Structures are given as structure tokens and as C-alpha cells.
Amino acid sequence: MTERKPGYLAFAAHPTLNFMLNRLAWEIDEARLFDIGARVATQVDFVRVVLDEARRAEDDGRHRDAAFLYRGAEFFMAASHPDKEPAYERFMELFYEVTPDARAGRREVKFGSGSLGVIDLPALAEEKDVLLFCTGYDGVIEELCGRALRLRQAGYRVVLYEGPGQGCALRRSGLPMTPDWERPTSTVLDALGVPSCTLLGISLGSFLAARAAAFDSRVRRLVCWGAIHDFAECVKRSMGEKRGGRVLQLVRWGWRRTVNRAVQRGMAADAGANWAVSHGMHVSGRIDPFGYLQWMLDFHLRDVAHQIAQDVLVVSSSDDHLVPRDQLRHLADALVGARSVATRLTTAAEHAAEHCQIGNPDLVVDEILRWMAGLDRRDRLLAGASTGGGPSVTPLGR
């Protein structure tokens, strides 16, 4: 990681490209990213410019920069792009070359017809707990290693894992994403022999982790880094509330041809929409826009949120360009069976108003550490009370 102060920077005018450059800013010098941002206006520009920069960085021996630049370029490549697979593989090779801890902890876990990537990182102090950490809709676990460092320093063994639709599970094994995240989560816990853990999911991973927690009792605490109660609400917002609502209703009615024509017109007129829908089809393994939107409708917690019985922390941001702000309230209100629910809305004043607090992710790490320390204190008090060694304590509620 590079040393940088918190802040969401204006690298590029295009909001999606700017968000990706802010992701890269935790790994690459800001001056280089400002130069890139000045030269890109579309996803096509981004792929061309960033791929060239990746190759130049590799030639110059800046292998960490090169790794993340290859990752940035690959992100916006269509599944059919001839450089997509080589860019991803070069990212992986260079990342593990320059990150020995991740290389030592890397393993593959068999799942279905393929395998899932796992990075098992030991605590750097006396171990307190296992923290199982998954990424979201379009992340790769290698990007999470920087966020994991301070958790490890605080005494947590951090296991980064991917499921179908993510990382090499998608790119090497061809496994599309499914909402039943309890399956990959349980598979990883079984493979590592972990009897209990705190489960953390970021971005769409906040939904995925919550879904897994509803079905696996080995999860004793849940952190939703993001607040996605219903993924369809995020997609509807990206399409425009009225238009998106009409399109999704047509999907529910099964009007495939009508939906495909409408979405494809939008894709033809807008390069960003073309990338977003094509990317969704790639992640979901569906062959047309209708199939992707139909798949997405299953990503909600309405039927399972009441089964989540753990202590839960939900962190959301005030001006997220991807997730509607009311998702925080909807998710918190749905957790009627949780042992306790804590919520945190981060703001622009904290450099943390954007998606996943990308301008200040350490703020969330600090919040997670404080929350877990508070639960540890509570549990010690409760244990003392149950053995007559301390005061009578009522478990924390919502």
C-alpha cells in the first residue's frame, strides 16, 4: 500500500472511472492516477490507457504498481476482450510476487466443478478470533489484503475468501455468482476447520455475508460493510427510479423480449450502461439482459433476515453513488432476531461518504475493532455474571 491521507479525490470526471481510480489510490501514487484520470473519459479509454501504464510499470520494475494497474484495466474489459484473461493472470502473478504474506497463505478450496481462492493470514498479535472476510459483486480478495493488515495487528486471524462469481472462481473455474452464500462460506469453514468466526462482507458482500450468517451457526458475529438489503434497489437506482422500476416489473412478469429490447437500446446509447449490463451478465453467467436482471431479483434478505441471530454491525455511507441510503434502515429494521444491532453512517466530513468508504476505509476498520472490543467486554461480564463472579447483566438489545 502507498502512504496517503484520507480523502475521496477527483481523479476523473466520470464517476465510475473516478471511483476505480480512488480504489487504486491506496496502492498507487496519486500523481500517476491524476495523469491517468486526465486522459480517460470512457471505459474504453480507461482500458487502453491503464493497460499501457501497467506494461510500462512492469518494464520499469514497479511490479506492485503494475499488478494493480493490470487489475484496474481488467475490471473494465468485456468478458470477450482478448486481453482480459492475460491481464488478470499478470495481476495475480505480480501481486503474489510482491506480497509474500498472501503468497504463503494462498490456497484453493474445492467447490462444485471448480475451486475458490482463499488467503489465510495469521494474526500478528495474540489471536483473539478468526475474521472471515469476503468481497462483493466485482471485487477480488487480493484487494482486501491492505484492509486486513490492521485487523491482523489487532490480533485477528483474517481469512479472505471468494465465492462463485468472484476472483478466480469466476475467471478460472467459470463459476457464476449465486445468492446462496452459505454454501461457499460453509465450504471454506469446513476446509479450514474453523469452529467459529466473525463474518465480514464488503459491498455486495454485505448481503452475501448476511445471507450466510442466517444459515451457519459457526458465524457468531456479522459485519456488513455496506448495507444491501435488496440488490434490485441498487440496480433500479442506477437505471433511474421510474425507468428502473418499470423495467424490473416487466422482468417479474416475464417479458423477456420487451426487456431485452429496452435495455439493449440503452446499452447502444451509453458505453457505461453497456459495460455495466455486460459485466452483470458475466458475473451472473446469464446470456441476455433479461436473464441478468431476473437473477439479480433473488439477491435480497426479505425471506431470511429474521433468521440472523448474531451480533451485527452495519456500516453505510451517506452519499453512496451505488447503494441507496435507505438500505441501511431497511436492513437494520429487518434484523428482528439479531442478538444486537449497531449501525454507523459515515459522512463526507470523515472523507467516507462514498461507496465502501473508499476515501477512508481505515475509519471502518477502527469502527469494527471498537465494536468487537465492546462485545468482548460484554461477553466477559455476562460470563462473570453466570458464574457468580460479577454483576447481573442483561444482554444488549437493539
Protein backbone atom coordinates (compact mmCIF):
# COMPACT_ATOMS: atom_id res chain seq x y z
CA MET A 1 0.00 0.00 0.00
CA THR A 2 1.04 3.60 -0.54
CA GLU A 3 1.06 6.10 2.31
CA ARG A 4 -1.81 8.53 1.81
CA LYS A 5 -4.15 10.69 3.80
CA PRO A 6 -7.89 10.01 3.86
CA GLY A 7 -9.89 11.68 1.10
CA TYR A 8 -12.03 10.95 -1.94
CA LEU A 9 -10.13 12.59 -4.77
CA ALA A 10 -11.28 13.95 -8.14
CA PHE A 11 -9.05 11.99 -10.48
CA ALA A 12 -11.53 11.84 -13.37
CA ALA A 13 -14.82 13.47 -14.35
CA HIS A 14 -16.61 10.18 -14.99
CA PRO A 15 -17.93 8.95 -11.59
CA THR A 16 -17.39 5.24 -12.25
CA LEU A 17 -13.86 5.75 -13.54
CA ASN A 18 -13.11 8.11 -10.67
CA PHE A 19 -14.29 5.52 -8.16
CA MET A 20 -11.93 2.91 -9.62
CA LEU A 21 -9.02 5.36 -9.54
CA ASN A 22 -9.79 6.07 -5.88
CA ARG A 23 -9.67 2.31 -5.24
CA LEU A 24 -6.27 2.18 -6.91
CA ALA A 25 -5.05 5.20 -4.93
CA TRP A 26 -4.47 3.01 -1.86
CA GLU A 27 -1.88 1.10 -3.88
CA ILE A 28 -0.51 3.56 -6.47
CA ASP A 29 0.94 7.08 -6.23
CA GLU A 30 -1.74 9.76 -6.62
CA ALA A 31 0.24 11.79 -9.17
CA ARG A 32 0.21 8.87 -11.61
CA LEU A 33 -3.52 8.46 -11.14
CA PHE A 34 -4.22 12.16 -11.76
CA ASP A 35 -2.30 11.80 -15.02
CA ILE A 36 -4.37 8.75 -15.98
CA GLY A 37 -7.63 10.46 -14.99
CA ALA A 38 -6.88 13.41 -17.26
CA ARG A 39 -6.64 11.04 -20.23
CA VAL A 40 -9.77 8.91 -19.77
CA ALA A 41 -13.43 9.72 -20.45
CA THR A 42 -14.95 6.28 -21.05
CA GLN A 43 -14.37 2.69 -20.02
CA VAL A 44 -12.74 2.09 -23.43
CA ASP A 45 -10.24 4.89 -22.78
CA PHE A 46 -9.59 3.54 -19.32
CA VAL A 47 -8.73 0.05 -20.55
CA ARG A 48 -6.36 1.35 -23.21
CA VAL A 49 -4.58 3.91 -21.03
CA VAL A 50 -4.32 1.81 -17.86
CA LEU A 51 -3.17 -1.31 -19.71
CA ASP A 52 -0.40 0.76 -21.32
CA GLU A 53 0.56 2.12 -17.89
CA ALA A 54 0.61 -1.40 -16.44
CA ARG A 55 3.02 -2.59 -19.10
CA ARG A 56 5.21 0.48 -18.61
CA ALA A 57 5.28 -0.04 -14.84
CA GLU A 58 6.25 -3.67 -15.30
CA ASP A 59 9.04 -2.70 -17.71
CA ASP A 60 10.27 -0.16 -15.13
CA GLY A 61 10.33 -2.78 -12.38
CA ARG A 62 7.43 -1.22 -10.44
CA HIS A 63 5.74 -4.57 -10.01
CA ARG A 64 3.26 -3.60 -7.30
CA ASP A 65 2.01 -0.67 -9.39
CA ALA A 66 1.87 -2.92 -12.43
CA ALA A 67 -0.16 -5.55 -10.61
CA PHE A 68 -2.91 -3.15 -9.59
CA LEU A 69 -2.89 -1.36 -12.93
CA TYR A 70 -3.47 -4.69 -14.67
CA ARG A 71 -6.32 -5.28 -12.22
CA GLY A 72 -7.81 -1.86 -12.99
CA ALA A 73 -7.64 -2.41 -16.74
CA GLU A 74 -9.09 -5.93 -16.49
CA PHE A 75 -12.02 -4.65 -14.42
CA PHE A 76 -13.45 -2.67 -17.36
CA MET A 77 -12.72 -5.24 -20.07
CA ALA A 78 -15.63 -7.15 -21.55
CA ALA A 79 -15.56 -10.90 -20.98
CA SER A 80 -14.72 -11.32 -24.68
CA HIS A 81 -11.80 -8.86 -24.64
CA PRO A 82 -8.64 -10.67 -25.81
CA ASP A 83 -6.54 -9.09 -23.05
CA LYS A 84 -8.91 -9.84 -20.17
CA GLU A 85 -7.52 -13.23 -19.17
CA PRO A 86 -3.84 -12.24 -19.68
CA ALA A 87 -4.34 -9.03 -17.65
CA TYR A 88 -5.93 -10.93 -14.77
CA GLU A 89 -3.23 -13.60 -14.78
CA ARG A 90 -0.48 -10.98 -14.85
CA PHE A 91 -2.14 -9.20 -11.93
CA MET A 92 -2.16 -12.44 -9.96
CA GLU A 93 1.45 -13.30 -10.78
CA LEU A 94 2.78 -9.87 -9.87
CA PHE A 95 0.61 -9.45 -6.78
CA TYR A 96 1.79 -12.70 -5.22
CA GLU A 97 5.37 -11.93 -6.24
CA VAL A 98 5.35 -8.70 -4.20
CA THR A 99 3.08 -9.85 -1.33
CA PRO A 100 4.83 -12.72 0.46
CA ASP A 101 2.27 -12.99 3.30
CA ALA A 102 -0.52 -13.52 0.80
CA ARG A 103 1.59 -15.99 -1.18
CA ALA A 104 2.24 -18.03 1.98
CA GLY A 105 -1.44 -18.06 2.92
CA ARG A 106 -2.88 -18.73 -0.53
CA ARG A 107 -4.82 -21.93 -1.11
CA GLU A 108 -7.60 -23.30 -3.29
CA VAL A 109 -10.73 -24.90 -1.84
CA LYS A 110 -12.70 -27.33 -3.98
CA PHE A 111 -16.24 -26.18 -4.71
CA GLY A 112 -18.59 -27.80 -7.21
CA SER A 113 -16.90 -28.13 -10.58
CA GLY A 114 -14.16 -25.66 -9.68
CA SER A 115 -12.40 -24.06 -6.75
CA LEU A 116 -12.48 -20.98 -4.56
CA GLY A 117 -9.48 -18.81 -3.74
CA VAL A 118 -8.56 -18.32 -0.07
CA ILE A 119 -5.84 -16.24 1.59
CA ASP A 120 -5.32 -17.29 5.22
CA LEU A 121 -3.43 -14.56 7.08
CA PRO A 122 -2.32 -15.24 10.68
CA ALA A 123 -2.83 -12.74 13.48
CA LEU A 124 0.21 -10.55 14.17
CA ALA A 125 -0.55 -10.44 17.91
CA GLU A 126 -2.12 -12.93 20.31
CA GLU A 127 -5.06 -14.37 18.38
CA LYS A 128 -8.49 -13.21 19.54
CA ASP A 129 -10.75 -14.57 16.83
CA VAL A 130 -10.98 -15.67 13.21
CA LEU A 131 -12.35 -13.00 10.91
CA LEU A 132 -13.72 -14.44 7.66
CA PHE A 133 -13.80 -11.67 5.03
CA CYS A 134 -15.48 -11.77 1.61
CA THR A 135 -15.57 -9.22 -1.16
CA GLY A 136 -18.58 -8.25 -3.27
CA TYR A 137 -20.01 -8.11 -6.75
CA ASP A 138 -16.85 -7.33 -8.68
CA GLY A 139 -14.03 -7.46 -6.15
CA VAL A 140 -11.04 -9.76 -5.80
CA ILE A 141 -9.73 -10.90 -2.45
CA GLU A 142 -6.23 -9.65 -3.21
CA GLU A 143 -7.56 -6.08 -2.92
CA LEU A 144 -8.55 -6.78 0.69
CA CYS A 145 -5.06 -7.57 1.98
CA GLY A 146 -4.36 -3.92 2.77
CA ARG A 147 -7.55 -3.64 4.84
CA ALA A 148 -6.68 -6.89 6.61
CA LEU A 149 -3.31 -5.67 7.93
CA ARG A 150 -4.60 -3.58 10.84
CA LEU A 151 -7.09 -6.29 11.78
CA ARG A 152 -4.21 -8.75 11.95
CA GLN A 153 -2.14 -6.33 14.04
CA ALA A 154 -5.07 -6.14 16.47
CA GLY A 155 -4.99 -9.92 17.00
CA TYR A 156 -7.32 -11.31 14.37
CA ARG A 157 -6.56 -14.18 12.03
CA VAL A 158 -8.04 -12.92 8.76
CA VAL A 159 -9.26 -15.40 6.16
CA LEU A 160 -10.04 -13.73 2.84
CA TYR A 161 -12.24 -15.89 0.65
CA GLU A 162 -14.07 -15.71 -2.61
CA GLY A 163 -17.22 -17.43 -3.75
CA PRO A 164 -18.77 -18.10 -7.14
CA GLY A 165 -18.76 -15.05 -9.41
CA GLN A 166 -15.62 -13.59 -7.83
CA GLY A 167 -11.89 -13.74 -8.49
CA CYS A 168 -10.51 -16.97 -9.88
CA ALA A 169 -13.75 -18.82 -9.08
CA LEU A 170 -15.28 -16.89 -11.98
CA ARG A 171 -12.25 -16.35 -14.18
CA ARG A 172 -10.56 -19.75 -13.91
CA SER A 173 -13.40 -22.08 -12.86
CA GLY A 174 -16.26 -20.36 -14.66
CA LEU A 175 -18.47 -20.39 -11.53
CA PRO A 176 -21.19 -17.70 -11.73
CA MET A 177 -22.40 -15.92 -8.62
CA THR A 178 -25.38 -17.30 -6.69
CA PRO A 179 -27.25 -15.76 -3.73
CA ASP A 180 -26.98 -18.86 -1.50
CA TRP A 181 -23.68 -17.70 0.00
CA GLU A 182 -23.98 -20.10 2.89
CA ARG A 183 -22.67 -22.80 0.54
CA PRO A 184 -19.22 -21.32 -0.25
CA THR A 185 -18.95 -19.94 3.29
CA SER A 186 -19.62 -23.31 4.89
CA THR A 187 -17.26 -24.99 2.42
CA VAL A 188 -14.41 -22.66 3.42
CA LEU A 189 -15.12 -23.05 7.15
CA ASP A 190 -15.14 -26.84 6.72
CA ALA A 191 -11.92 -26.85 4.71
CA LEU A 192 -10.07 -24.75 7.30
CA GLY A 193 -11.61 -26.47 10.32
CA VAL A 194 -12.81 -23.17 11.79
CA PRO A 195 -15.35 -23.79 14.60
CA SER A 196 -16.49 -20.17 14.95
CA CYS A 197 -15.77 -16.80 13.38
CA THR A 198 -16.76 -13.22 12.83
CA LEU A 199 -18.02 -12.91 9.24
CA LEU A 200 -17.36 -9.68 7.35
CA GLY A 201 -18.66 -8.81 3.89
CA ILE A 202 -17.95 -5.64 1.92
CA SER A 203 -20.14 -4.00 -0.75
CA LEU A 204 -22.49 -6.69 -2.14
CA GLY A 205 -20.59 -8.95 0.22
CA SER A 206 -22.61 -7.28 3.00
CA PHE A 207 -25.68 -9.04 1.59
CA LEU A 208 -23.76 -12.24 0.90
CA ALA A 209 -22.30 -12.42 4.41
CA ALA A 210 -25.70 -11.69 5.98
CA ARG A 211 -27.27 -14.45 3.91
CA ALA A 212 -24.56 -16.90 5.04
CA ALA A 213 -24.96 -15.89 8.69
CA ALA A 214 -28.65 -16.79 8.54
CA PHE A 215 -27.75 -20.43 7.86
CA ASP A 216 -24.41 -21.17 9.55
CA SER A 217 -24.27 -21.09 13.34
CA ARG A 218 -20.46 -21.05 13.28
CA VAL A 219 -20.81 -17.36 12.46
CA ARG A 220 -21.10 -15.71 15.89
CA ARG A 221 -20.73 -12.09 14.78
CA LEU A 222 -21.60 -10.40 11.50
CA VAL A 223 -20.22 -7.20 9.96
CA CYS A 224 -22.00 -5.73 6.93
CA TRP A 225 -19.52 -3.27 5.42
CA GLY A 226 -22.18 -1.77 3.21
CA ALA A 227 -25.91 -2.08 3.72
CA ILE A 228 -27.53 -4.04 0.94
CA HIS A 229 -30.90 -5.44 1.94
CA ASP A 230 -32.16 -5.71 -1.65
CA PHE A 231 -29.75 -5.59 -4.59
CA ALA A 232 -32.57 -4.76 -7.01
CA GLU A 233 -32.95 -1.36 -5.35
CA CYS A 234 -29.33 -0.58 -6.23
CA VAL A 235 -29.79 -1.60 -9.86
CA LYS A 236 -33.07 0.31 -10.09
CA ARG A 237 -31.34 3.45 -8.87
CA SER A 238 -28.60 3.10 -11.48
CA MET A 239 -31.25 2.91 -14.21
CA GLY A 240 -33.28 5.81 -12.80
CA GLU A 241 -36.01 5.15 -10.24
CA LYS A 242 -39.01 5.36 -12.58
CA ARG A 243 -37.47 3.64 -15.59
CA GLY A 244 -35.75 1.05 -13.43
CA GLY A 245 -38.97 0.30 -11.57
CA ARG A 246 -40.84 -0.26 -14.85
CA VAL A 247 -38.11 -2.50 -16.27
CA LEU A 248 -37.95 -4.64 -13.13
CA GLN A 249 -41.72 -5.03 -13.11
CA LEU A 250 -41.56 -6.30 -16.69
CA VAL A 251 -38.87 -8.75 -15.60
CA ARG A 252 -41.15 -10.04 -12.83
CA TRP A 253 -43.90 -10.50 -15.41
CA GLY A 254 -41.52 -12.46 -17.66
CA TRP A 255 -41.49 -10.08 -20.65
CA ARG A 256 -38.07 -11.16 -21.92
CA ARG A 257 -38.17 -9.71 -25.44
CA THR A 258 -39.53 -6.35 -24.31
CA VAL A 259 -36.93 -6.05 -21.55
CA ASN A 260 -34.08 -7.07 -23.81
CA ARG A 261 -35.05 -4.52 -26.46
CA ALA A 262 -35.34 -1.72 -23.89
CA VAL A 263 -32.07 -2.49 -22.14
CA GLN A 264 -30.15 -3.07 -25.35
CA ARG A 265 -31.25 0.35 -26.66
CA GLY A 266 -29.80 1.87 -23.53
CA MET A 267 -26.60 -0.13 -23.93
CA ALA A 268 -26.20 1.06 -27.52
CA ALA A 269 -26.59 4.70 -26.47
CA ASP A 270 -24.37 4.65 -23.36
CA ALA A 271 -20.96 2.99 -23.09
CA GLY A 272 -21.25 2.94 -19.30
CA ALA A 273 -24.58 1.14 -19.41
CA ASN A 274 -23.19 -1.28 -21.98
CA TRP A 275 -20.28 -2.16 -19.68
CA ALA A 276 -22.47 -2.43 -16.57
CA VAL A 277 -25.01 -4.80 -18.11
CA SER A 278 -22.37 -6.85 -19.93
CA HIS A 279 -20.41 -7.15 -16.69
CA GLY A 280 -23.56 -8.24 -14.85
CA MET A 281 -24.17 -10.94 -17.43
CA HIS A 282 -20.59 -12.12 -16.99
CA VAL A 283 -20.80 -12.30 -13.18
CA SER A 284 -24.23 -13.95 -13.21
CA GLY A 285 -23.49 -16.33 -16.07
CA ARG A 286 -26.65 -15.22 -17.93
CA ILE A 287 -26.89 -14.82 -21.69
CA ASP A 288 -29.07 -11.72 -22.01
CA PRO A 289 -30.04 -8.60 -20.04
CA PHE A 290 -33.36 -10.15 -19.01
CA GLY A 291 -31.56 -13.15 -17.51
CA TYR A 292 -29.18 -10.90 -15.59
CA LEU A 293 -31.99 -8.76 -14.14
CA GLN A 294 -34.04 -11.85 -13.28
CA TRP A 295 -31.01 -13.34 -11.50
CA MET A 296 -30.49 -10.11 -9.57
CA LEU A 297 -34.03 -10.19 -8.14
CA ASP A 298 -33.04 -13.15 -5.93
CA PHE A 299 -30.42 -11.08 -4.07
CA HIS A 300 -32.48 -9.88 -1.13
CA LEU A 301 -32.82 -10.68 2.57
CA ARG A 302 -36.59 -10.39 2.91
CA ASP A 303 -37.06 -14.13 3.46
CA VAL A 304 -34.05 -14.78 5.71
CA ALA A 305 -33.14 -11.65 7.70
CA HIS A 306 -35.26 -12.79 10.65
CA GLN A 307 -33.03 -15.90 10.95
CA ILE A 308 -29.90 -13.85 11.62
CA ALA A 309 -29.31 -14.33 15.36
CA GLN A 310 -25.79 -12.94 15.72
CA ASP A 311 -24.49 -9.61 16.96
CA VAL A 312 -24.49 -7.41 13.85
CA LEU A 313 -22.65 -4.24 12.83
CA VAL A 314 -23.87 -2.43 9.70
CA VAL A 315 -21.76 0.37 8.22
CA SER A 316 -23.08 2.52 5.38
CA SER A 317 -22.12 5.81 3.74
CA SER A 318 -24.14 8.98 3.36
CA ASP A 319 -23.62 9.73 -0.36
CA ASP A 320 -23.02 6.32 -1.90
CA HIS A 321 -23.39 6.54 -5.69
CA LEU A 322 -24.25 2.84 -5.88
CA VAL A 323 -26.36 1.99 -2.81
CA PRO A 324 -29.47 3.99 -1.79
CA ARG A 325 -29.15 5.47 1.67
CA ASP A 326 -32.41 3.88 2.88
CA GLN A 327 -30.88 0.41 2.52
CA LEU A 328 -29.27 0.93 5.94
CA ARG A 329 -32.66 1.44 7.60
CA HIS A 330 -34.27 -1.44 5.71
CA LEU A 331 -31.50 -3.84 6.70
CA ALA A 332 -31.39 -2.75 10.35
CA ASP A 333 -35.18 -2.97 10.66
CA ALA A 334 -35.18 -6.48 9.17
CA LEU A 335 -32.76 -7.86 11.78
CA VAL A 336 -35.52 -8.63 14.26
CA GLY A 337 -33.85 -11.78 15.60
CA ALA A 338 -30.32 -10.45 16.00
CA ARG A 339 -28.70 -10.53 19.43
CA SER A 340 -27.72 -6.89 18.96
CA VAL A 341 -27.60 -4.44 16.05
CA ALA A 342 -25.22 -1.49 15.77
CA THR A 343 -25.32 0.89 12.80
CA ARG A 344 -22.87 3.51 11.58
CA LEU A 345 -23.49 6.07 8.82
CA THR A 346 -20.25 7.67 7.64
CA THR A 347 -20.12 11.15 6.12
CA ALA A 348 -18.24 13.50 3.82
CA ALA A 349 -16.75 15.27 6.85
CA GLU A 350 -14.99 11.97 7.60
CA HIS A 351 -13.88 11.53 3.95
CA ALA A 352 -16.16 8.49 3.98
CA ALA A 353 -19.35 9.41 2.13
CA GLU A 354 -18.71 7.24 -0.93
CA HIS A 355 -19.25 3.54 -1.56
CA CYS A 356 -17.42 1.35 0.94
CA GLN A 357 -15.86 4.48 2.46
CA ILE A 358 -13.20 4.22 -0.23
CA GLY A 359 -11.81 7.63 0.74
CA ASN A 360 -11.19 6.49 4.32
CA PRO A 361 -11.52 2.71 4.76
CA ASP A 362 -9.44 2.73 7.95
CA LEU A 363 -12.33 4.57 9.59
CA VAL A 364 -14.42 1.42 9.13
CA VAL A 365 -11.61 -0.82 10.34
CA ASP A 366 -11.44 1.29 13.51
CA GLU A 367 -15.22 1.01 13.92
CA ILE A 368 -15.07 -2.78 13.54
CA LEU A 369 -12.26 -3.07 16.11
CA ARG A 370 -14.15 -0.88 18.63
CA TRP A 371 -17.34 -2.85 18.10
CA MET A 372 -15.65 -6.23 18.59
CA ALA A 373 -13.80 -4.98 21.67
CA GLY A 374 -17.11 -3.81 23.13
CA LEU A 375 -18.72 -7.19 22.52
CA ASP A 376 -15.75 -8.92 24.14
CA ARG A 377 -16.22 -6.76 27.26
CA ARG A 378 -19.93 -7.51 27.32
CA ASP A 379 -19.37 -11.24 26.94
CA ARG A 380 -16.80 -11.28 29.76
CA LEU A 381 -19.29 -9.51 32.03
CA LEU A 382 -22.02 -11.97 31.09
CA ALA A 383 -19.70 -14.92 31.71
CA GLY A 384 -18.80 -13.50 35.12
CA ALA A 385 -22.46 -12.98 35.98
CA SER A 386 -23.38 -16.54 35.00
CA THR A 387 -20.73 -17.94 37.39
CA GLY A 388 -21.48 -15.53 40.20
CA GLY A 389 -18.26 -13.67 39.54
CA GLY A 390 -19.75 -10.35 38.54
CA PRO A 391 -22.85 -8.21 38.42
CA SER A 392 -26.10 -9.31 36.81
CA VAL A 393 -26.12 -8.08 33.22
CA THR A 394 -28.94 -8.03 30.66
CA PRO A 395 -27.77 -8.87 27.11
CA LEU A 396 -27.61 -5.87 24.83
CA GLY A 397 -30.62 -5.42 22.61
CA ARG A 398 -31.17 -3.36 19.53
